[in-house]
Each structure stands twice: as structure tokens, then as C-alpha cells.
């Protein structure tokens, strides 16, 4: 395992969520990282936030999203951020958070979150039309894949969780 800095930014480069993690390994879905309970994160330059539960994060090699698989008692089981393709350099993985989130709650409910923020940022931050189309298409694909437990959303995180828990 090696340490990694996980850095989300907003379109235009403003710092968003950022925190440490541990690279666990790779498979056909991408690179897996562990974020143990007790990890201290920050939203931008805001105050530190301590995450109570462990998460296994997946960074696909060529897809416009990143996923967190959360342990109980976290309310969401799977939380997927629509992002630009994750980029790796100098011990850091970074991507632009494009607001839209697909969330599978523990009770099975599926939520597309932050559509209002996405609409607002299209104007405020000047999202180009190609970026808007890619984000919307990714969100539609994720709603199906996460809801139907396809690909990495059907339990692929469990062997990686055993390495952290």
C-alpha cells in the first residue's frame, strides 16, 4: 500500500474536497484506495472534518466519475461523483467535480443529487457544452449501473475493504 492525496477541484480550479488515502491496488475497474474511519478531510480551505466511517474509493482509468463505497453506519452505501477523468501525478489523484452525484442509500433508494448546483454552475462557472453533455450522459449511465448493481457497483469493493477493515 502507498499513500495518495485525493484532491477534488471545481471547474476553474478551486479546491474542493481533499484528503489522504492509501492505494490498495488495481483491477479491471480501475485503481482502488482505502480511506479509513478517522481520516481528516477538508472542503476547500475549510475547517478539518473527521470522517467516522471507512470508505473504499474507485478511480476508473478513463471514465467521468469516481466512486466511494461506504461502511455502515454511513447513510449511503455507494456515492458516485460525476467528475472529469481522474489524473495521477506526484502521489496525487485529482479531478474536477462536476456537481452531479448518484447515490445508492442503504435502503436501496437511488438519488441523482445536486442537479440545481449543476445548473447554477453551468452559468456561474461557464461549463462548455461538451462538458455539460458528458456530465449528463455519465449521470444517466451511472443511475442505471449503480441501480442495477452492474460492473464495479455489484460488490467489487468488498475484497478491497478487507484490506482496510
C-alpha atoms as a PDB file:
ATOM      1  CA  UNK A   1       0.000   0.000   0.000  1.00  0.00           C
ATOM      2  CA  UNK A   2       1.161   3.508  -0.738  1.00  0.00           C
ATOM      3  CA  UNK A   3      -0.170   6.873   0.332  1.00  0.00           C
ATOM      4  CA  UNK A   4      -2.060   9.111  -2.074  1.00  0.00           C
ATOM      5  CA  UNK A   5      -3.505  12.601  -1.790  1.00  0.00           C
ATOM      6  CA  UNK A   6      -7.084  12.660  -3.160  1.00  0.00           C
ATOM      7  CA  UNK A   7      -7.946  16.122  -4.496  1.00  0.00           C
ATOM      8  CA  UNK A   8     -11.260  17.198  -5.969  1.00  0.00           C
ATOM      9  CA  UNK A   9     -11.416  20.612  -7.588  1.00  0.00           C
ATOM     10  CA  UNK A  10     -14.274  22.594  -9.083  1.00  0.00           C
ATOM     11  CA  UNK A  11     -14.291  23.727 -12.717  1.00  0.00           C
ATOM     12  CA  UNK A  12     -11.859  26.632 -12.881  1.00  0.00           C
ATOM     13  CA  UNK A  13      -9.501  25.019 -10.357  1.00  0.00           C
ATOM     14  CA  UNK A  14     -10.918  25.981  -6.929  1.00  0.00           C
ATOM     15  CA  UNK A  15     -10.000  23.421  -4.280  1.00  0.00           C
ATOM     16  CA  UNK A  16     -12.922  21.200  -3.205  1.00  0.00           C
ATOM     17  CA  UNK A  17     -12.805  18.031  -1.036  1.00  0.00           C
ATOM     18  CA  UNK A  18      -9.252  16.844  -0.345  1.00  0.00           C
ATOM     19  CA  UNK A  19      -7.891  14.171   1.957  1.00  0.00           C
ATOM     20  CA  UNK A  20      -5.329  11.381   2.247  1.00  0.00           C
ATOM     21  CA  UNK A  21      -5.892   7.783   1.229  1.00  0.00           C
ATOM     22  CA  UNK A  22      -3.986   4.551   0.667  1.00  0.00           C
ATOM     23  CA  UNK A  23      -3.648   2.892  -2.722  1.00  0.00           C
ATOM     24  CA  UNK A  24      -4.782  -0.701  -2.321  1.00  0.00           C
ATOM     25  CA  UNK A  25      -4.291  -1.930  -5.889  1.00  0.00           C
ATOM     26  CA  UNK A  26      -5.793  -2.091  -9.377  1.00  0.00           C
ATOM     27  CA  UNK A  27      -8.172  -4.317 -11.273  1.00  0.00           C
ATOM     28  CA  UNK A  28     -10.296  -4.136 -14.430  1.00  0.00           C
ATOM     29  CA  UNK A  29     -12.397  -1.345 -12.867  1.00  0.00           C
ATOM     30  CA  UNK A  30      -9.522   0.999 -12.037  1.00  0.00           C
ATOM     31  CA  UNK A  31      -7.427   1.992  -9.035  1.00  0.00           C
ATOM     32  CA  UNK A  32      -8.814   1.292  -5.552  1.00  0.00           C
ATOM     33  CA  UNK A  33      -7.948   3.367  -2.489  1.00  0.00           C
ATOM     34  CA  UNK A  34      -8.829   2.994   1.164  1.00  0.00           C
ATOM     35  CA  UNK A  35      -9.917   5.899   3.336  1.00  0.00           C
ATOM     36  CA  UNK A  36     -10.090   4.588   6.912  1.00  0.00           C
ATOM     37  CA  UNK A  37     -12.513   5.900   9.505  1.00  0.00           C
ATOM     38  CA  UNK A  38     -10.849   8.759  11.376  1.00  0.00           C
ATOM     39  CA  UNK A  39      -9.436  10.305   8.194  1.00  0.00           C
ATOM     40  CA  UNK A  40      -9.336  14.096   8.330  1.00  0.00           C
ATOM     41  CA  UNK A  41     -10.609  15.844   5.190  1.00  0.00           C
ATOM     42  CA  UNK A  42     -11.218  19.445   4.183  1.00  0.00           C
ATOM     43  CA  UNK A  43     -13.693  21.034   1.808  1.00  0.00           C
ATOM     44  CA  UNK A  44     -11.545  23.626   0.082  1.00  0.00           C
ATOM     45  CA  UNK A  45      -9.632  25.516   2.763  1.00  0.00           C
ATOM     46  CA  UNK A  46     -12.464  24.988   5.253  1.00  0.00           C
ATOM     47  CA  UNK A  47     -12.119  23.516   8.726  1.00  0.00           C
ATOM     48  CA  UNK A  48     -10.996  19.904   9.105  1.00  0.00           C
ATOM     49  CA  UNK A  49     -13.757  17.267   9.065  1.00  0.00           C
ATOM     50  CA  UNK A  50     -13.122  13.827  10.567  1.00  0.00           C
ATOM     51  CA  UNK A  51     -14.861  11.025   8.691  1.00  0.00           C
ATOM     52  CA  UNK A  52     -16.247   8.446  11.090  1.00  0.00           C
ATOM     53  CA  UNK A  53     -16.651   5.541   8.656  1.00  0.00           C
ATOM     54  CA  UNK A  54     -14.283   3.757   6.293  1.00  0.00           C
ATOM     55  CA  UNK A  55     -14.696   4.204   2.540  1.00  0.00           C
ATOM     56  CA  UNK A  56     -13.226   2.317  -0.388  1.00  0.00           C
ATOM     57  CA  UNK A  57     -12.779   4.650  -3.352  1.00  0.00           C
ATOM     58  CA  UNK A  58     -12.563   3.679  -7.009  1.00  0.00           C
ATOM     59  CA  UNK A  59     -10.826   5.819  -9.613  1.00  0.00           C
ATOM     60  CA  UNK A  60     -11.547   4.446 -13.099  1.00  0.00           C
ATOM     61  CA  UNK A  61      -8.839   4.871 -15.732  1.00  0.00           C
ATOM     62  CA  UNK A  62     -10.940   6.517 -18.444  1.00  0.00           C
ATOM     63  CA  UNK A  63     -14.426   7.299 -17.105  1.00  0.00           C
ATOM     64  CA  UNK A  64     -16.009  10.554 -15.952  1.00  0.00           C
ATOM     65  CA  UNK A  65     -16.727   9.562 -12.335  1.00  0.00           C
ATOM     66  CA  UNK A  66     -15.244   8.434  -9.040  1.00  0.00           C
ATOM     67  CA  UNK A  67     -16.991   6.205  -6.503  1.00  0.00           C
ATOM     68  CA  UNK A  68     -16.988   5.793  -2.738  1.00  0.00           C
ATOM     69  CA  UNK A  69     -18.273   2.601  -1.150  1.00  0.00           C
ATOM     70  CA  UNK A  70     -19.112   3.485   2.455  1.00  0.00           C
ATOM     71  CA  UNK A  71     -19.253   1.223   5.503  1.00  0.00           C
ATOM     72  CA  UNK A  72     -22.161   1.368   7.964  1.00  0.00           C
ATOM     73  CA  UNK A  73     -23.412   3.376   9.703  1.00  0.00           C
ATOM     74  CA  UNK A  74     -22.854   5.851   6.824  1.00  0.00           C
ATOM     75  CA  UNK A  75     -26.288   6.608   5.324  1.00  0.00           C
ATOM     76  CA  UNK A  76     -25.184   5.984   1.739  1.00  0.00           C
ATOM     77  CA  UNK A  77     -23.876   2.644   0.557  1.00  0.00           C
ATOM     78  CA  UNK A  78     -22.466   3.969  -2.737  1.00  0.00           C
ATOM     79  CA  UNK A  79     -21.736   7.611  -3.533  1.00  0.00           C
ATOM     80  CA  UNK A  80     -20.588   8.394  -7.068  1.00  0.00           C
ATOM     81  CA  UNK A  81     -19.332  11.834  -8.078  1.00  0.00           C
ATOM     82  CA  UNK A  82     -19.591  12.811 -11.741  1.00  0.00           C
ATOM     83  CA  UNK A  83     -16.091  14.166 -12.452  1.00  0.00           C
ATOM     84  CA  UNK A  84     -13.557  14.570 -15.206  1.00  0.00           C
ATOM     85  CA  UNK A  85     -11.302  11.542 -15.743  1.00  0.00           C
ATOM     86  CA  UNK A  86      -9.021  11.165 -12.688  1.00  0.00           C
ATOM     87  CA  UNK A  87      -5.398  12.177 -13.334  1.00  0.00           C
ATOM     88  CA  UNK A  88      -2.402  10.799 -11.433  1.00  0.00           C
ATOM     89  CA  UNK A  89       0.831  12.634 -10.725  1.00  0.00           C
ATOM     90  CA  UNK A  90       3.315  13.085  -7.904  1.00  0.00           C
ATOM     91  CA  UNK A  91       1.453  10.991  -5.318  1.00  0.00           C
ATOM     92  CA  UNK A  92      -1.864  12.691  -6.040  1.00  0.00           C
ATOM     93  CA  UNK A  93      -5.055  11.821  -7.888  1.00  0.00           C
ATOM     94  CA  UNK A  94      -7.087  14.821  -8.965  1.00  0.00           C
ATOM     95  CA  UNK A  95     -10.241  15.509 -10.949  1.00  0.00           C
ATOM     96  CA  UNK A  96     -12.866  18.206 -11.437  1.00  0.00           C
ATOM     97  CA  UNK A  97     -16.094  17.620  -9.514  1.00  0.00           C
ATOM     98  CA  UNK A  98     -18.984  18.340 -11.897  1.00  0.00           C
ATOM     99  CA  UNK A  99     -21.619  18.632  -9.150  1.00  0.00           C
ATOM    100  CA  UNK A 100     -23.903  15.721 -10.101  1.00  0.00           C
ATOM    101  CA  UNK A 101     -23.865  12.750  -7.715  1.00  0.00           C
ATOM    102  CA  UNK A 102     -25.509   9.342  -7.984  1.00  0.00           C
ATOM    103  CA  UNK A 103     -26.195   7.897  -4.543  1.00  0.00           C
ATOM    104  CA  UNK A 104     -27.468   4.475  -3.513  1.00  0.00           C
ATOM    105  CA  UNK A 105     -28.781   4.652   0.029  1.00  0.00           C
ATOM    106  CA  UNK A 106     -28.645   1.683   2.404  1.00  0.00           C
ATOM    107  CA  UNK A 107     -32.405   1.166   1.955  1.00  0.00           C
ATOM    108  CA  UNK A 108     -31.915   0.798  -1.827  1.00  0.00           C
ATOM    109  CA  UNK A 109     -33.206   4.257  -2.823  1.00  0.00           C
ATOM    110  CA  UNK A 110     -31.346   5.751  -5.786  1.00  0.00           C
ATOM    111  CA  UNK A 111     -30.818   9.515  -5.851  1.00  0.00           C
ATOM    112  CA  UNK A 112     -29.491  11.896  -8.508  1.00  0.00           C
ATOM    113  CA  UNK A 113     -28.230  14.748  -6.334  1.00  0.00           C
ATOM    114  CA  UNK A 114     -27.192  18.364  -6.925  1.00  0.00           C
ATOM    115  CA  UNK A 115     -28.957  18.944 -10.251  1.00  0.00           C
ATOM    116  CA  UNK A 116     -29.630  22.507  -9.035  1.00  0.00           C
ATOM    117  CA  UNK A 117     -25.927  23.097  -8.332  1.00  0.00           C
ATOM    118  CA  UNK A 118     -25.052  21.657 -11.757  1.00  0.00           C
ATOM    119  CA  UNK A 119     -27.492  24.050 -13.485  1.00  0.00           C
ATOM    120  CA  UNK A 120     -26.196  27.013 -11.453  1.00  0.00           C
ATOM    121  CA  UNK A 121     -22.530  26.228 -12.172  1.00  0.00           C
ATOM    122  CA  UNK A 122     -23.186  25.873 -15.917  1.00  0.00           C
ATOM    123  CA  UNK A 123     -23.832  29.615 -15.886  1.00  0.00           C
ATOM    124  CA  UNK A 124     -21.658  30.767 -12.977  1.00  0.00           C
ATOM    125  CA  UNK A 125     -18.526  28.789 -13.951  1.00  0.00           C
ATOM    126  CA  UNK A 126     -19.159  28.718 -17.710  1.00  0.00           C
ATOM    127  CA  UNK A 127     -19.245  24.985 -18.335  1.00  0.00           C
ATOM    128  CA  UNK A 128     -18.666  24.319 -22.052  1.00  0.00           C
ATOM    129  CA  UNK A 129     -21.487  22.461 -23.890  1.00  0.00           C
ATOM    130  CA  UNK A 130     -19.325  19.305 -24.354  1.00  0.00           C
ATOM    131  CA  UNK A 131     -18.667  19.132 -20.602  1.00  0.00           C
ATOM    132  CA  UNK A 132     -22.400  19.528 -19.825  1.00  0.00           C
ATOM    133  CA  UNK A 133     -23.321  16.774 -22.298  1.00  0.00           C
ATOM    134  CA  UNK A 134     -20.619  14.420 -20.960  1.00  0.00           C
ATOM    135  CA  UNK A 135     -21.681  15.008 -17.330  1.00  0.00           C
ATOM    136  CA  UNK A 136     -25.373  14.434 -18.106  1.00  0.00           C
ATOM    137  CA  UNK A 137     -24.625  11.283 -20.112  1.00  0.00           C
ATOM    138  CA  UNK A 138     -22.394   9.945 -17.336  1.00  0.00           C
ATOM    139  CA  UNK A 139     -25.099  10.592 -14.724  1.00  0.00           C
ATOM    140  CA  UNK A 140     -27.681   8.684 -16.821  1.00  0.00           C
ATOM    141  CA  UNK A 141     -25.282   5.747 -17.236  1.00  0.00           C
ATOM    142  CA  UNK A 142     -24.481   5.746 -13.512  1.00  0.00           C
ATOM    143  CA  UNK A 143     -28.159   5.743 -12.496  1.00  0.00           C
ATOM    144  CA  UNK A 144     -28.571   2.504 -14.437  1.00  0.00           C
ATOM    145  CA  UNK A 145     -25.262   0.878 -13.412  1.00  0.00           C
ATOM    146  CA  UNK A 146     -25.499   1.768  -9.701  1.00  0.00           C
ATOM    147  CA  UNK A 147     -29.214   0.961  -9.511  1.00  0.00           C
ATOM    148  CA  UNK A 148     -28.794  -2.405 -11.243  1.00  0.00           C
ATOM    149  CA  UNK A 149     -25.516  -3.182  -9.388  1.00  0.00           C
ATOM    150  CA  UNK A 150     -23.628  -3.564 -12.677  1.00  0.00           C
ATOM    151  CA  UNK A 151     -19.847  -3.642 -13.069  1.00  0.00           C
ATOM    152  CA  UNK A 152     -17.984  -2.271 -10.061  1.00  0.00           C
ATOM    153  CA  UNK A 153     -21.262  -1.425  -8.273  1.00  0.00           C
ATOM    154  CA  UNK A 154     -22.157  -5.046  -7.526  1.00  0.00           C
ATOM    155  CA  UNK A 155     -19.719  -5.755  -4.694  1.00  0.00           C
ATOM    156  CA  UNK A 156     -16.331  -5.403  -6.421  1.00  0.00           C
ATOM    157  CA  UNK A 157     -15.174  -3.232  -3.494  1.00  0.00           C
ATOM    158  CA  UNK A 158     -15.548  -5.997  -0.882  1.00  0.00           C
ATOM    159  CA  UNK A 159     -12.126  -7.676  -1.336  1.00  0.00           C
ATOM    160  CA  UNK A 160     -10.508  -4.221  -1.133  1.00  0.00           C
ATOM    161  CA  UNK A 161     -12.479  -3.379   2.019  1.00  0.00           C
ATOM    162  CA  UNK A 162     -10.993  -6.446   3.712  1.00  0.00           C
ATOM    163  CA  UNK A 163      -7.547  -4.840   3.256  1.00  0.00           C
ATOM    164  CA  UNK A 164      -8.579  -1.735   5.238  1.00  0.00           C
ATOM    165  CA  UNK A 165     -11.109  -3.007   7.799  1.00  0.00           C
END
